[in-house]
Amino acid sequence: MYDYIKGKLSKITAKFIVVETAGLGYMIYVANPYSFSGYVNQEVTIYLHQVIRDDAHLLFGFHTENEKEIFLNLISVSGIGPTTALAIIAVDDNEGLISAIDNSDIKYLTKFPKIGKKTAQQMILDLSGKFVEASGESATSRKVSSEQNSNLEEAMEALLALGYKATELKKVKAFFEGTNETVEQYIKSSLKMLMK
């Protein structure tokens, strides 16, 4: 399984981009290929998810790890495939999406292509409370903020993996914003707060 690819962005089409590395051009399906327009013939890092089907091996790409995580959560829902998940991400309203899921807003969710009432209900059932934060920032600013607070982000991800809900972690994360600790210190301090 691939985690990311670093290489030269050599081509943009309506459905995919091509990243060249070590003499090979990788076709990568992305939510909005034209969001990469400013990077043609430049080195890029694209976060990847590989889907293997009987008839094809497909690569799906993302600007940030956060975007990739949203995609992975979406395709875990019965009735949502990779193409539909990309269409949802293409709207670039992650804050609205996460808020709609956490607040059971079926009307908002059914505005996405190929999402009917039944699938919207399944999204709410499967994904409610799974996202640490609702972020409607641009990909660039998301990247900057996650780099500035990467230790805190890693700690929150570790706590999610332990089974804590995103709704529980929002307050904890807000409490530590602006601080500078190691991942281990954030986890220990967060666990103490969560146990009170």
C-alpha atoms as a PDB file:
ATOM      1  CA  MET A   1       0.000   0.000   0.000  1.00  0.00           C
ATOM      2  CA  TYR A   2       1.233   3.474  -0.853  1.00  0.00           C
ATOM      3  CA  ASP A   3       1.281   6.363   1.626  1.00  0.00           C
ATOM      4  CA  TYR A   4       2.440   9.226  -0.603  1.00  0.00           C
ATOM      5  CA  ILE A   5       4.334  10.025  -3.791  1.00  0.00           C
ATOM      6  CA  LYS A   6       6.919  12.754  -4.419  1.00  0.00           C
ATOM      7  CA  GLY A   7       7.625  13.726  -7.996  1.00  0.00           C
ATOM      8  CA  LYS A   8       7.103  16.190 -10.830  1.00  0.00           C
ATOM      9  CA  LEU A   9       3.518  17.077 -11.734  1.00  0.00           C
ATOM     10  CA  SER A  10       3.630  16.510 -15.477  1.00  0.00           C
ATOM     11  CA  LYS A  11      -0.021  16.514 -16.591  1.00  0.00           C
ATOM     12  CA  ILE A  12      -3.493  17.678 -15.519  1.00  0.00           C
ATOM     13  CA  THR A  13      -6.740  16.368 -17.031  1.00  0.00           C
ATOM     14  CA  ALA A  14     -10.397  16.770 -16.026  1.00  0.00           C
ATOM     15  CA  LYS A  15     -10.306  13.535 -13.968  1.00  0.00           C
ATOM     16  CA  PHE A  16      -6.724  12.930 -12.919  1.00  0.00           C
ATOM     17  CA  ILE A  17      -3.189  14.255 -12.626  1.00  0.00           C
ATOM     18  CA  VAL A  18       0.044  12.541 -13.619  1.00  0.00           C
ATOM     19  CA  VAL A  19       3.036  12.614 -11.277  1.00  0.00           C
ATOM     20  CA  GLU A  20       6.360  11.501 -12.720  1.00  0.00           C
ATOM     21  CA  THR A  21       8.954   9.893 -10.484  1.00  0.00           C
ATOM     22  CA  ALA A  22      11.916   7.641 -11.374  1.00  0.00           C
ATOM     23  CA  GLY A  23      10.916   7.743 -15.046  1.00  0.00           C
ATOM     24  CA  LEU A  24       7.345   6.517 -14.423  1.00  0.00           C
ATOM     25  CA  GLY A  25       4.157   8.570 -14.746  1.00  0.00           C
ATOM     26  CA  TYR A  26       1.549   7.711 -12.117  1.00  0.00           C
ATOM     27  CA  MET A  27      -2.087   8.440 -12.986  1.00  0.00           C
ATOM     28  CA  ILE A  28      -3.710   9.745  -9.804  1.00  0.00           C
ATOM     29  CA  TYR A  29      -7.424  10.503  -9.474  1.00  0.00           C
ATOM     30  CA  VAL A  30      -8.018  13.628  -7.384  1.00  0.00           C
ATOM     31  CA  ALA A  31     -11.066  15.600  -6.225  1.00  0.00           C
ATOM     32  CA  ASN A  32     -10.249  18.711  -8.261  1.00  0.00           C
ATOM     33  CA  PRO A  33      -7.343  18.260 -10.681  1.00  0.00           C
ATOM     34  CA  TYR A  34      -7.260  21.968 -11.474  1.00  0.00           C
ATOM     35  CA  SER A  35      -6.462  22.800  -7.853  1.00  0.00           C
ATOM     36  CA  PHE A  36      -2.951  21.616  -8.831  1.00  0.00           C
ATOM     37  CA  SER A  37      -2.671  24.073 -11.767  1.00  0.00           C
ATOM     38  CA  GLY A  38       0.017  26.191 -10.115  1.00  0.00           C
ATOM     39  CA  TYR A  39       2.317  23.174  -9.696  1.00  0.00           C
ATOM     40  CA  VAL A  40       2.809  21.929 -13.282  1.00  0.00           C
ATOM     41  CA  ASN A  41       6.451  20.837 -13.843  1.00  0.00           C
ATOM     42  CA  GLN A  42       7.169  21.340 -10.129  1.00  0.00           C
ATOM     43  CA  GLU A  43       7.832  18.740  -7.439  1.00  0.00           C
ATOM     44  CA  VAL A  44       4.745  17.855  -5.449  1.00  0.00           C
ATOM     45  CA  THR A  45       3.889  15.512  -2.584  1.00  0.00           C
ATOM     46  CA  ILE A  46       0.553  13.774  -3.012  1.00  0.00           C
ATOM     47  CA  TYR A  47      -0.937  11.572  -0.273  1.00  0.00           C
ATOM     48  CA  LEU A  48      -2.240   8.336  -1.787  1.00  0.00           C
ATOM     49  CA  HIS A  49      -4.812   5.621  -1.355  1.00  0.00           C
ATOM     50  CA  GLN A  50      -4.739   2.578  -3.648  1.00  0.00           C
ATOM     51  CA  VAL A  51      -7.898   0.746  -4.694  1.00  0.00           C
ATOM     52  CA  ILE A  52      -7.463  -2.688  -6.259  1.00  0.00           C
ATOM     53  CA  ARG A  53     -10.347  -4.055  -8.319  1.00  0.00           C
ATOM     54  CA  ASP A  54     -10.617  -7.052 -10.643  1.00  0.00           C
ATOM     55  CA  ASP A  55     -10.298  -4.801 -13.687  1.00  0.00           C
ATOM     56  CA  ALA A  56      -7.997  -2.025 -12.418  1.00  0.00           C
ATOM     57  CA  HIS A  57      -5.477  -0.781  -9.861  1.00  0.00           C
ATOM     58  CA  LEU A  58      -6.365   2.857  -9.111  1.00  0.00           C
ATOM     59  CA  LEU A  59      -4.541   5.575  -7.182  1.00  0.00           C
ATOM     60  CA  PHE A  60      -6.483   8.338  -5.450  1.00  0.00           C
ATOM     61  CA  GLY A  61      -4.572  11.432  -4.337  1.00  0.00           C
ATOM     62  CA  PHE A  62      -4.967  14.213  -1.780  1.00  0.00           C
ATOM     63  CA  HIS A  63      -3.370  17.558  -0.927  1.00  0.00           C
ATOM     64  CA  THR A  64      -3.167  16.742   2.797  1.00  0.00           C
ATOM     65  CA  GLU A  65      -3.361  13.784   5.169  1.00  0.00           C
ATOM     66  CA  ASN A  66      -6.497  15.347   6.653  1.00  0.00           C
ATOM     67  CA  GLU A  67      -8.205  15.231   3.242  1.00  0.00           C
ATOM     68  CA  LYS A  68      -7.106  11.608   2.821  1.00  0.00           C
ATOM     69  CA  GLU A  69      -8.535  10.707   6.225  1.00  0.00           C
ATOM     70  CA  ILE A  70     -11.915  12.224   5.313  1.00  0.00           C
ATOM     71  CA  PHE A  71     -11.873  10.207   2.066  1.00  0.00           C
ATOM     72  CA  LEU A  72     -11.066   6.959   3.933  1.00  0.00           C
ATOM     73  CA  ASN A  73     -13.895   7.600   6.380  1.00  0.00           C
ATOM     74  CA  LEU A  74     -16.310   8.280   3.516  1.00  0.00           C
ATOM     75  CA  ILE A  75     -15.467   5.091   1.588  1.00  0.00           C
ATOM     76  CA  SER A  76     -15.955   3.053   4.769  1.00  0.00           C
ATOM     77  CA  VAL A  77     -19.676   3.884   4.494  1.00  0.00           C
ATOM     78  CA  SER A  78     -21.800   1.333   2.653  1.00  0.00           C
ATOM     79  CA  GLY A  79     -22.984   2.887  -0.618  1.00  0.00           C
ATOM     80  CA  ILE A  80     -20.082   5.333  -1.024  1.00  0.00           C
ATOM     81  CA  GLY A  81     -17.362   4.409  -3.488  1.00  0.00           C
ATOM     82  CA  PRO A  82     -14.107   6.237  -4.216  1.00  0.00           C
ATOM     83  CA  THR A  83     -15.590   8.337  -7.060  1.00  0.00           C
ATOM     84  CA  THR A  84     -18.483   9.546  -4.906  1.00  0.00           C
ATOM     85  CA  ALA A  85     -16.104  10.274  -2.006  1.00  0.00           C
ATOM     86  CA  LEU A  86     -13.926  12.384  -4.347  1.00  0.00           C
ATOM     87  CA  ALA A  87     -17.013  14.298  -5.505  1.00  0.00           C
ATOM     88  CA  ILE A  88     -17.866  15.089  -1.871  1.00  0.00           C
ATOM     89  CA  ILE A  89     -14.306  16.249  -1.130  1.00  0.00           C
ATOM     90  CA  ALA A  90     -14.267  18.367  -4.314  1.00  0.00           C
ATOM     91  CA  VAL A  91     -16.845  20.705  -2.763  1.00  0.00           C
ATOM     92  CA  ASP A  92     -14.028  21.703  -0.354  1.00  0.00           C
ATOM     93  CA  ASP A  93     -16.377  22.302   2.559  1.00  0.00           C
ATOM     94  CA  ASN A  94     -14.994  19.838   5.088  1.00  0.00           C
ATOM     95  CA  GLU A  95     -16.345  21.941   7.955  1.00  0.00           C
ATOM     96  CA  GLY A  96     -19.867  21.805   6.523  1.00  0.00           C
ATOM     97  CA  LEU A  97     -19.596  18.081   5.809  1.00  0.00           C
ATOM     98  CA  ILE A  98     -18.391  17.179   9.303  1.00  0.00           C
ATOM     99  CA  SER A  99     -20.922  19.497  10.934  1.00  0.00           C
ATOM    100  CA  ALA A 100     -23.749  17.946   8.872  1.00  0.00           C
ATOM    101  CA  ILE A 101     -22.689  14.439   9.891  1.00  0.00           C
ATOM    102  CA  ASP A 102     -22.356  15.327  13.583  1.00  0.00           C
ATOM    103  CA  ASN A 103     -25.694  17.223  13.572  1.00  0.00           C
ATOM    104  CA  SER A 104     -27.636  14.634  11.508  1.00  0.00           C
ATOM    105  CA  ASP A 105     -28.336  17.147   8.720  1.00  0.00           C
ATOM    106  CA  ILE A 106     -29.696  14.817   6.023  1.00  0.00           C
ATOM    107  CA  LYS A 107     -30.845  17.733   3.855  1.00  0.00           C
ATOM    108  CA  TYR A 108     -27.252  19.018   3.534  1.00  0.00           C
ATOM    109  CA  LEU A 109     -25.768  15.564   2.856  1.00  0.00           C
ATOM    110  CA  THR A 110     -28.245  14.730   0.078  1.00  0.00           C
ATOM    111  CA  LYS A 111     -26.997  17.766  -1.880  1.00  0.00           C
ATOM    112  CA  PHE A 112     -23.846  15.798  -2.734  1.00  0.00           C
ATOM    113  CA  PRO A 113     -23.909  13.805  -5.993  1.00  0.00           C
ATOM    114  CA  LYS A 114     -25.160  10.195  -5.697  1.00  0.00           C
ATOM    115  CA  ILE A 115     -26.083  10.653  -2.020  1.00  0.00           C
ATOM    116  CA  GLY A 116     -29.699   9.751  -1.337  1.00  0.00           C
ATOM    117  CA  LYS A 117     -31.552   9.805   1.966  1.00  0.00           C
ATOM    118  CA  LYS A 118     -30.597   6.214   2.841  1.00  0.00           C
ATOM    119  CA  THR A 119     -26.875   6.791   2.211  1.00  0.00           C
ATOM    120  CA  ALA A 120     -27.002  10.094   4.130  1.00  0.00           C
ATOM    121  CA  GLN A 121     -28.505   8.260   7.124  1.00  0.00           C
ATOM    122  CA  GLN A 122     -25.771   5.618   6.851  1.00  0.00           C
ATOM    123  CA  MET A 123     -23.095   8.375   6.788  1.00  0.00           C
ATOM    124  CA  ILE A 124     -24.499   9.832  10.010  1.00  0.00           C
ATOM    125  CA  LEU A 125     -24.709   6.403  11.648  1.00  0.00           C
ATOM    126  CA  ASP A 126     -21.180   5.349  10.657  1.00  0.00           C
ATOM    127  CA  LEU A 127     -19.252   8.642  10.876  1.00  0.00           C
ATOM    128  CA  SER A 128     -20.830  10.749  13.614  1.00  0.00           C
ATOM    129  CA  GLY A 129     -18.098  11.764  16.085  1.00  0.00           C
ATOM    130  CA  LYS A 130     -15.246  10.293  14.014  1.00  0.00           C
ATOM    131  CA  PHE A 131     -13.637  13.574  12.971  1.00  0.00           C
ATOM    132  CA  VAL A 132     -11.406  15.462  15.413  1.00  0.00           C
ATOM    133  CA  GLU A 133     -12.085  18.873  13.918  1.00  0.00           C
ATOM    134  CA  ALA A 134     -14.102  20.554  11.231  1.00  0.00           C
ATOM    135  CA  SER A 135     -11.687  22.458   9.054  1.00  0.00           C
ATOM    136  CA  GLY A 136     -12.923  24.622   6.202  1.00  0.00           C
ATOM    137  CA  GLU A 137      -9.530  26.195   5.536  1.00  0.00           C
ATOM    138  CA  SER A 138      -7.728  25.958   2.223  1.00  0.00           C
ATOM    139  CA  ALA A 139      -5.373  23.021   1.671  1.00  0.00           C
ATOM    140  CA  THR A 140      -2.352  25.272   2.065  1.00  0.00           C
ATOM    141  CA  SER A 141      -3.414  26.749   5.395  1.00  0.00           C
ATOM    142  CA  ARG A 142      -4.452  23.300   6.648  1.00  0.00           C
ATOM    143  CA  LYS A 143      -0.960  22.088   5.854  1.00  0.00           C
ATOM    144  CA  VAL A 144       0.671  25.018   7.668  1.00  0.00           C
ATOM    145  CA  SER A 145      -1.502  24.688  10.769  1.00  0.00           C
ATOM    146  CA  SER A 146      -0.965  20.930  10.949  1.00  0.00           C
ATOM    147  CA  GLU A 147       2.794  21.401  10.662  1.00  0.00           C
ATOM    148  CA  GLN A 148       2.761  24.006  13.445  1.00  0.00           C
ATOM    149  CA  ASN A 149       0.774  21.709  15.718  1.00  0.00           C
ATOM    150  CA  SER A 150       1.758  18.302  14.372  1.00  0.00           C
ATOM    151  CA  ASN A 151       2.455  16.877  17.850  1.00  0.00           C
ATOM    152  CA  LEU A 152      -1.021  17.836  19.041  1.00  0.00           C
ATOM    153  CA  GLU A 153      -2.576  16.405  15.842  1.00  0.00           C
ATOM    154  CA  GLU A 154      -0.698  13.114  16.316  1.00  0.00           C
ATOM    155  CA  ALA A 155      -1.825  12.921  19.934  1.00  0.00           C
ATOM    156  CA  MET A 156      -5.464  13.456  18.908  1.00  0.00           C
ATOM    157  CA  GLU A 157      -5.168  10.745  16.251  1.00  0.00           C
ATOM    158  CA  ALA A 158      -3.717   8.354  18.849  1.00  0.00           C
ATOM    159  CA  LEU A 159      -6.633   9.085  21.184  1.00  0.00           C
ATOM    160  CA  LEU A 160      -9.116   8.508  18.362  1.00  0.00           C
ATOM    161  CA  ALA A 161      -7.412   5.168  17.705  1.00  0.00           C
ATOM    162  CA  LEU A 162      -7.877   4.325  21.399  1.00  0.00           C
ATOM    163  CA  GLY A 163     -11.629   4.752  20.903  1.00  0.00           C
ATOM    164  CA  TYR A 164     -12.297   8.269  22.193  1.00  0.00           C
ATOM    165  CA  LYS A 165     -14.893  10.207  20.196  1.00  0.00           C
ATOM    166  CA  ALA A 166     -13.989  13.313  18.223  1.00  0.00           C
ATOM    167  CA  THR A 167     -16.648  15.256  20.122  1.00  0.00           C
ATOM    168  CA  GLU A 168     -14.858  14.455  23.407  1.00  0.00           C
ATOM    169  CA  LEU A 169     -11.506  15.472  21.938  1.00  0.00           C
ATOM    170  CA  LYS A 170     -12.596  18.876  20.614  1.00  0.00           C
ATOM    171  CA  LYS A 171     -12.503  20.463  24.087  1.00  0.00           C
ATOM    172  CA  VAL A 172      -9.206  18.779  24.932  1.00  0.00           C
ATOM    173  CA  LYS A 173      -7.644  19.950  21.678  1.00  0.00           C
ATOM    174  CA  ALA A 174      -8.900  23.506  22.200  1.00  0.00           C
ATOM    175  CA  PHE A 175      -7.362  23.505  25.696  1.00  0.00           C
ATOM    176  CA  PHE A 176      -3.896  22.673  24.324  1.00  0.00           C
ATOM    177  CA  GLU A 177      -3.985  24.994  21.262  1.00  0.00           C
ATOM    178  CA  GLY A 178      -0.930  27.246  21.204  1.00  0.00           C
ATOM    179  CA  THR A 179       1.099  25.026  23.542  1.00  0.00           C
ATOM    180  CA  ASN A 180       4.241  23.146  22.568  1.00  0.00           C
ATOM    181  CA  GLU A 181       4.614  19.657  24.034  1.00  0.00           C
ATOM    182  CA  THR A 182       5.753  16.242  22.841  1.00  0.00           C
ATOM    183  CA  VAL A 183       3.162  13.798  21.485  1.00  0.00           C
ATOM    184  CA  GLU A 184       3.603  11.620  24.583  1.00  0.00           C
ATOM    185  CA  GLN A 185       3.035  14.594  26.935  1.00  0.00           C
ATOM    186  CA  TYR A 186      -0.104  15.618  25.028  1.00  0.00           C
ATOM    187  CA  ILE A 187      -1.485  12.070  25.261  1.00  0.00           C
ATOM    188  CA  LYS A 188      -0.772  11.751  29.006  1.00  0.00           C
ATOM    189  CA  SER A 189      -2.256  15.173  29.813  1.00  0.00           C
ATOM    190  CA  SER A 190      -5.274  14.533  27.563  1.00  0.00           C
ATOM    191  CA  LEU A 191      -5.980  11.173  29.183  1.00  0.00           C
ATOM    192  CA  LYS A 192      -5.934  12.801  32.637  1.00  0.00           C
ATOM    193  CA  MET A 193      -8.472  15.406  31.420  1.00  0.00           C
ATOM    194  CA  LEU A 194     -10.682  12.774  29.782  1.00  0.00           C
ATOM    195  CA  MET A 195     -10.718  10.608  32.916  1.00  0.00           C
ATOM    196  CA  LYS A 196     -11.997  13.416  35.185  1.00  0.00           C
END
